[in-house]
Amino acid sequence: MEELKGKRIVMLAGDGFEDMELMYPLVRLRDEACADVTIAGLKELEALRGKNGLQVTTELSFKDLRADSFDALVIPGGQSPDHIRIYPDVIRFVQDFDRTGKPIASICHGIQILITARLLKGKTATGWKSLAVEIENAGASYVDSPLVTSGQYIFSRQPSDLGFFCDAIIRSLRGESLQPLVEAARAI
């Protein structure tokens, strides 16, 4: 399947990423849908270790990211988002990307980056359940559902939601409605 051939996606990562939340979308988007997926980190060609031991190597540094170079942004969870949201280059890029109107997909603790970037006000969102108060304090309405969308944003809670999460990213990049997926997720 080459349904996303020609689409460029960037994933933001640091040490302590949730292994499945980075690897599952990477395989679905790069290997199955044929998108060009770039893993960005603090340094280019840096080896990062997930919280369960999987390793990935970054291909681009945060400082070299340009919003107009990508069609979608994916933010995996784990401890990584809390570690990397302190870097101004991460926040600048995410804010710039928000202005493009292109899809931004965040799962689990990935939403911490969006909180720091002050991008949640007025949105409906989800993330790891212990972040519900922080999500609401950032101005969003928290919903406990496997898939929540709000404008260009795609949110999921945890690794068990990855099927919905990846399907939503793919459908979004194909220009298809996400409503059937949102309704299916609510029915669970």
C-alpha atoms as a PDB file:
ATOM      1  CA  MET A   1       0.000   0.000   0.000  1.00  0.00           C
ATOM      2  CA  GLU A   2       1.348   3.380  -0.977  1.00  0.00           C
ATOM      3  CA  GLU A   3      -1.544   5.479   0.259  1.00  0.00           C
ATOM      4  CA  LEU A   4       0.697   8.176   1.793  1.00  0.00           C
ATOM      5  CA  LYS A   5       3.520   8.120  -0.749  1.00  0.00           C
ATOM      6  CA  GLY A   6       4.896  11.650  -1.033  1.00  0.00           C
ATOM      7  CA  LYS A   7       3.609  12.721   2.407  1.00  0.00           C
ATOM      8  CA  ARG A   8       6.216  13.874   4.937  1.00  0.00           C
ATOM      9  CA  ILE A   9       5.622  13.272   8.650  1.00  0.00           C
ATOM     10  CA  VAL A  10       7.801  14.307  11.577  1.00  0.00           C
ATOM     11  CA  MET A  11       7.824  12.591  14.981  1.00  0.00           C
ATOM     12  CA  LEU A  12       9.290  14.395  18.003  1.00  0.00           C
ATOM     13  CA  ALA A  13      11.243  12.206  20.411  1.00  0.00           C
ATOM     14  CA  GLY A  14      13.642  12.167  23.307  1.00  0.00           C
ATOM     15  CA  ASP A  15      14.898   9.515  25.693  1.00  0.00           C
ATOM     16  CA  GLY A  16      12.133   7.719  27.541  1.00  0.00           C
ATOM     17  CA  PHE A  17       9.603   7.692  24.688  1.00  0.00           C
ATOM     18  CA  GLU A  18       6.826   5.122  25.037  1.00  0.00           C
ATOM     19  CA  ASP A  19       8.168   2.374  22.772  1.00  0.00           C
ATOM     20  CA  MET A  20       4.850   1.326  21.216  1.00  0.00           C
ATOM     21  CA  GLU A  21       3.648   4.916  20.750  1.00  0.00           C
ATOM     22  CA  LEU A  22       6.660   5.681  18.588  1.00  0.00           C
ATOM     23  CA  MET A  23       7.282   2.329  16.892  1.00  0.00           C
ATOM     24  CA  TYR A  24       3.704   1.370  15.992  1.00  0.00           C
ATOM     25  CA  PRO A  25       2.978   4.668  14.152  1.00  0.00           C
ATOM     26  CA  LEU A  26       6.442   4.528  12.580  1.00  0.00           C
ATOM     27  CA  VAL A  27       5.750   1.078  11.112  1.00  0.00           C
ATOM     28  CA  ARG A  28       2.170   1.915  10.049  1.00  0.00           C
ATOM     29  CA  LEU A  29       3.062   5.248   8.477  1.00  0.00           C
ATOM     30  CA  ARG A  30       6.502   4.477   6.997  1.00  0.00           C
ATOM     31  CA  ASP A  31       6.388   0.782   6.154  1.00  0.00           C
ATOM     32  CA  GLU A  32       2.698   0.208   5.430  1.00  0.00           C
ATOM     33  CA  ALA A  33       1.443   3.572   4.131  1.00  0.00           C
ATOM     34  CA  CYS A  34       4.793   4.543   2.510  1.00  0.00           C
ATOM     35  CA  ALA A  35       5.028   8.018   4.053  1.00  0.00           C
ATOM     36  CA  ASP A  36       8.404   9.667   4.522  1.00  0.00           C
ATOM     37  CA  VAL A  37       8.700   9.709   8.337  1.00  0.00           C
ATOM     38  CA  THR A  38      11.468  11.663  10.067  1.00  0.00           C
ATOM     39  CA  ILE A  39      12.329  11.238  13.750  1.00  0.00           C
ATOM     40  CA  ALA A  40      13.534  14.535  15.202  1.00  0.00           C
ATOM     41  CA  GLY A  41      15.470  14.885  18.431  1.00  0.00           C
ATOM     42  CA  LEU A  42      17.772  17.229  20.272  1.00  0.00           C
ATOM     43  CA  LYS A  43      20.645  16.262  17.965  1.00  0.00           C
ATOM     44  CA  GLU A  44      20.792  14.709  14.520  1.00  0.00           C
ATOM     45  CA  LEU A  45      21.898  11.047  14.491  1.00  0.00           C
ATOM     46  CA  GLU A  46      21.404  10.691  18.226  1.00  0.00           C
ATOM     47  CA  ALA A  47      20.530   7.248  19.612  1.00  0.00           C
ATOM     48  CA  LEU A  48      17.423   7.431  21.797  1.00  0.00           C
ATOM     49  CA  ARG A  49      16.199   4.709  24.125  1.00  0.00           C
ATOM     50  CA  GLY A  50      12.531   4.101  24.832  1.00  0.00           C
ATOM     51  CA  LYS A  51      11.333   3.514  28.370  1.00  0.00           C
ATOM     52  CA  ASN A  52      11.104  -0.228  27.606  1.00  0.00           C
ATOM     53  CA  GLY A  53      14.474  -0.453  25.863  1.00  0.00           C
ATOM     54  CA  LEU A  54      13.770  -0.016  22.136  1.00  0.00           C
ATOM     55  CA  GLN A  55      16.228   2.236  20.345  1.00  0.00           C
ATOM     56  CA  VAL A  56      15.814   4.679  17.470  1.00  0.00           C
ATOM     57  CA  THR A  57      18.208   7.106  15.852  1.00  0.00           C
ATOM     58  CA  THR A  58      17.127  10.661  15.145  1.00  0.00           C
ATOM     59  CA  GLU A  59      17.389  11.930  11.598  1.00  0.00           C
ATOM     60  CA  LEU A  60      17.015  15.669  12.230  1.00  0.00           C
ATOM     61  CA  SER A  61      17.585  18.050  15.130  1.00  0.00           C
ATOM     62  CA  PHE A  62      14.805  20.159  16.626  1.00  0.00           C
ATOM     63  CA  LYS A  63      16.645  23.342  15.629  1.00  0.00           C
ATOM     64  CA  ASP A  64      16.549  22.322  11.958  1.00  0.00           C
ATOM     65  CA  LEU A  65      12.790  21.664  11.815  1.00  0.00           C
ATOM     66  CA  ARG A  66      10.684  23.818   9.474  1.00  0.00           C
ATOM     67  CA  ALA A  67       6.896  23.593   9.554  1.00  0.00           C
ATOM     68  CA  ASP A  68       6.530  23.912   5.792  1.00  0.00           C
ATOM     69  CA  SER A  69       8.699  20.803   5.281  1.00  0.00           C
ATOM     70  CA  PHE A  70       6.103  18.385   6.686  1.00  0.00           C
ATOM     71  CA  ASP A  71       2.489  17.351   6.109  1.00  0.00           C
ATOM     72  CA  ALA A  72       1.834  16.086   9.655  1.00  0.00           C
ATOM     73  CA  LEU A  73       3.322  16.164  13.149  1.00  0.00           C
ATOM     74  CA  VAL A  74       3.152  13.134  15.480  1.00  0.00           C
ATOM     75  CA  ILE A  75       4.014  13.377  19.184  1.00  0.00           C
ATOM     76  CA  PRO A  76       4.437  10.011  20.972  1.00  0.00           C
ATOM     77  CA  GLY A  77       4.099   9.827  24.735  1.00  0.00           C
ATOM     78  CA  GLY A  78       6.123   8.305  27.537  1.00  0.00           C
ATOM     79  CA  GLN A  79       8.621  10.393  29.485  1.00  0.00           C
ATOM     80  CA  SER A  80      10.000  11.958  26.312  1.00  0.00           C
ATOM     81  CA  PRO A  81       7.490  14.839  25.990  1.00  0.00           C
ATOM     82  CA  ASP A  82       8.263  16.097  29.496  1.00  0.00           C
ATOM     83  CA  HIS A  83      12.010  15.884  28.762  1.00  0.00           C
ATOM     84  CA  ILE A  84      11.895  17.746  25.444  1.00  0.00           C
ATOM     85  CA  ARG A  85       9.260  20.413  26.109  1.00  0.00           C
ATOM     86  CA  ILE A  86      11.906  22.494  27.883  1.00  0.00           C
ATOM     87  CA  TYR A  87      13.640  23.233  24.561  1.00  0.00           C
ATOM     88  CA  PRO A  88      12.546  26.474  22.863  1.00  0.00           C
ATOM     89  CA  ASP A  89      13.154  24.935  19.405  1.00  0.00           C
ATOM     90  CA  VAL A  90      10.512  22.271  20.127  1.00  0.00           C
ATOM     91  CA  ILE A  91       7.918  24.795  21.266  1.00  0.00           C
ATOM     92  CA  ARG A  92       8.677  27.188  18.388  1.00  0.00           C
ATOM     93  CA  PHE A  93       8.310  24.393  15.835  1.00  0.00           C
ATOM     94  CA  VAL A  94       5.040  23.101  17.312  1.00  0.00           C
ATOM     95  CA  GLN A  95       3.584  26.630  17.404  1.00  0.00           C
ATOM     96  CA  ASP A  96       4.710  27.232  13.807  1.00  0.00           C
ATOM     97  CA  PHE A  97       3.213  23.898  12.768  1.00  0.00           C
ATOM     98  CA  ASP A  98      -0.089  24.776  14.441  1.00  0.00           C
ATOM     99  CA  ARG A  99      -0.351  27.841  12.189  1.00  0.00           C
ATOM    100  CA  THR A 100      -0.132  25.661   9.042  1.00  0.00           C
ATOM    101  CA  GLY A 101      -3.471  23.980   9.769  1.00  0.00           C
ATOM    102  CA  LYS A 102      -1.907  20.584   9.013  1.00  0.00           C
ATOM    103  CA  PRO A 103      -2.608  17.523  11.219  1.00  0.00           C
ATOM    104  CA  ILE A 104      -1.028  17.391  14.674  1.00  0.00           C
ATOM    105  CA  ALA A 105      -1.403  13.993  16.368  1.00  0.00           C
ATOM    106  CA  SER A 106      -0.616  13.548  20.059  1.00  0.00           C
ATOM    107  CA  ILE A 107      -0.943  10.395  22.141  1.00  0.00           C
ATOM    108  CA  CYS A 108      -0.686   9.852  25.895  1.00  0.00           C
ATOM    109  CA  HIS A 109       1.871  12.248  27.446  1.00  0.00           C
ATOM    110  CA  GLY A 110       2.572  13.844  24.045  1.00  0.00           C
ATOM    111  CA  ILE A 111      -0.027  16.446  24.968  1.00  0.00           C
ATOM    112  CA  GLN A 112       2.438  17.915  27.495  1.00  0.00           C
ATOM    113  CA  ILE A 113       4.252  19.570  24.587  1.00  0.00           C
ATOM    114  CA  LEU A 114       0.991  21.124  23.394  1.00  0.00           C
ATOM    115  CA  ILE A 115       0.263  22.334  26.930  1.00  0.00           C
ATOM    116  CA  THR A 116       3.676  24.028  27.121  1.00  0.00           C
ATOM    117  CA  ALA A 117       3.147  25.516  23.647  1.00  0.00           C
ATOM    118  CA  ARG A 118      -0.187  26.924  24.884  1.00  0.00           C
ATOM    119  CA  LEU A 119      -2.141  25.413  22.001  1.00  0.00           C
ATOM    120  CA  LEU A 120      -5.052  23.698  23.782  1.00  0.00           C
ATOM    121  CA  LYS A 121      -7.332  26.624  24.622  1.00  0.00           C
ATOM    122  CA  GLY A 122     -10.840  26.004  23.285  1.00  0.00           C
ATOM    123  CA  LYS A 123     -10.089  22.491  22.043  1.00  0.00           C
ATOM    124  CA  THR A 124     -11.555  19.128  22.994  1.00  0.00           C
ATOM    125  CA  ALA A 125      -8.704  16.742  23.840  1.00  0.00           C
ATOM    126  CA  THR A 126      -7.601  13.550  25.495  1.00  0.00           C
ATOM    127  CA  GLY A 127      -4.337  12.166  26.828  1.00  0.00           C
ATOM    128  CA  TRP A 128      -3.085   9.973  29.631  1.00  0.00           C
ATOM    129  CA  LYS A 129      -5.746  10.063  32.383  1.00  0.00           C
ATOM    130  CA  SER A 130      -3.426  11.553  35.026  1.00  0.00           C
ATOM    131  CA  LEU A 131      -3.091  14.646  32.783  1.00  0.00           C
ATOM    132  CA  ALA A 132      -6.832  15.425  32.709  1.00  0.00           C
ATOM    133  CA  VAL A 133      -6.507  18.356  35.142  1.00  0.00           C
ATOM    134  CA  GLU A 134      -3.506  19.823  33.280  1.00  0.00           C
ATOM    135  CA  ILE A 135      -5.392  19.496  29.987  1.00  0.00           C
ATOM    136  CA  GLU A 136      -8.386  21.322  31.456  1.00  0.00           C
ATOM    137  CA  ASN A 137      -6.146  23.954  33.091  1.00  0.00           C
ATOM    138  CA  ALA A 138      -4.662  24.583  29.623  1.00  0.00           C
ATOM    139  CA  GLY A 139      -8.149  25.544  28.425  1.00  0.00           C
ATOM    140  CA  ALA A 140      -9.298  22.319  26.747  1.00  0.00           C
ATOM    141  CA  SER A 141     -12.267  20.092  27.496  1.00  0.00           C
ATOM    142  CA  TYR A 142     -10.978  16.648  28.497  1.00  0.00           C
ATOM    143  CA  VAL A 143     -12.780  13.585  27.080  1.00  0.00           C
ATOM    144  CA  ASP A 144     -11.897  10.024  28.123  1.00  0.00           C
ATOM    145  CA  SER A 145     -12.117   8.346  24.707  1.00  0.00           C
ATOM    146  CA  PRO A 146      -9.674   6.360  22.524  1.00  0.00           C
ATOM    147  CA  LEU A 147      -9.831   9.025  19.796  1.00  0.00           C
ATOM    148  CA  VAL A 148     -10.693  12.700  20.052  1.00  0.00           C
ATOM    149  CA  THR A 149     -10.367  15.234  17.256  1.00  0.00           C
ATOM    150  CA  SER A 150     -10.532  19.010  17.397  1.00  0.00           C
ATOM    151  CA  GLY A 151      -9.879  20.899  14.184  1.00  0.00           C
ATOM    152  CA  GLN A 152      -6.473  19.814  12.875  1.00  0.00           C
ATOM    153  CA  TYR A 153      -5.724  17.934  16.121  1.00  0.00           C
ATOM    154  CA  ILE A 154      -5.864  14.166  16.700  1.00  0.00           C
ATOM    155  CA  PHE A 155      -5.614  12.926  20.293  1.00  0.00           C
ATOM    156  CA  SER A 156      -5.453   9.452  21.867  1.00  0.00           C
ATOM    157  CA  ARG A 157      -4.955   8.318  25.458  1.00  0.00           C
ATOM    158  CA  GLN A 158      -2.637   5.321  25.587  1.00  0.00           C
ATOM    159  CA  PRO A 159      -0.996   2.432  23.681  1.00  0.00           C
ATOM    160  CA  SER A 160      -4.249   0.457  23.422  1.00  0.00           C
ATOM    161  CA  ASP A 161      -5.649   3.345  21.320  1.00  0.00           C
ATOM    162  CA  LEU A 162      -2.921   3.126  18.662  1.00  0.00           C
ATOM    163  CA  GLY A 163      -5.143   1.521  16.027  1.00  0.00           C
ATOM    164  CA  PHE A 164      -7.571   4.458  16.111  1.00  0.00           C
ATOM    165  CA  PHE A 165      -4.684   6.938  16.389  1.00  0.00           C
ATOM    166  CA  CYS A 166      -2.865   5.695  13.273  1.00  0.00           C
ATOM    167  CA  ASP A 167      -6.063   5.229  11.270  1.00  0.00           C
ATOM    168  CA  ALA A 168      -6.969   8.856  12.039  1.00  0.00           C
ATOM    169  CA  ILE A 169      -3.551  10.137  10.922  1.00  0.00           C
ATOM    170  CA  ILE A 170      -3.785   8.197   7.657  1.00  0.00           C
ATOM    171  CA  ARG A 171      -7.373   9.276   6.954  1.00  0.00           C
ATOM    172  CA  SER A 172      -6.525  12.877   7.771  1.00  0.00           C
ATOM    173  CA  LEU A 173      -3.603  12.905   5.327  1.00  0.00           C
ATOM    174  CA  ARG A 174      -5.877  11.418   2.649  1.00  0.00           C
ATOM    175  CA  GLY A 175      -8.371  14.228   3.260  1.00  0.00           C
ATOM    176  CA  GLU A 176     -11.062  11.878   4.591  1.00  0.00           C
ATOM    177  CA  SER A 177     -13.516  12.524   7.402  1.00  0.00           C
ATOM    178  CA  LEU A 178     -12.460  11.353  10.850  1.00  0.00           C
ATOM    179  CA  GLN A 179     -16.011  11.358  12.199  1.00  0.00           C
ATOM    180  CA  PRO A 180     -16.665   7.617  11.553  1.00  0.00           C
ATOM    181  CA  LEU A 181     -13.521   6.753  13.559  1.00  0.00           C
ATOM    182  CA  VAL A 182     -14.433   9.134  16.391  1.00  0.00           C
ATOM    183  CA  GLU A 183     -17.905   7.570  16.603  1.00  0.00           C
ATOM    184  CA  ALA A 184     -16.462   4.044  16.562  1.00  0.00           C
ATOM    185  CA  ALA A 185     -14.044   4.977  19.359  1.00  0.00           C
ATOM    186  CA  ARG A 186     -16.868   6.411  21.473  1.00  0.00           C
ATOM    187  CA  ALA A 187     -18.809   3.144  21.093  1.00  0.00           C
ATOM    188  CA  ILE A 188     -16.069   1.157  22.850  1.00  0.00           C
END
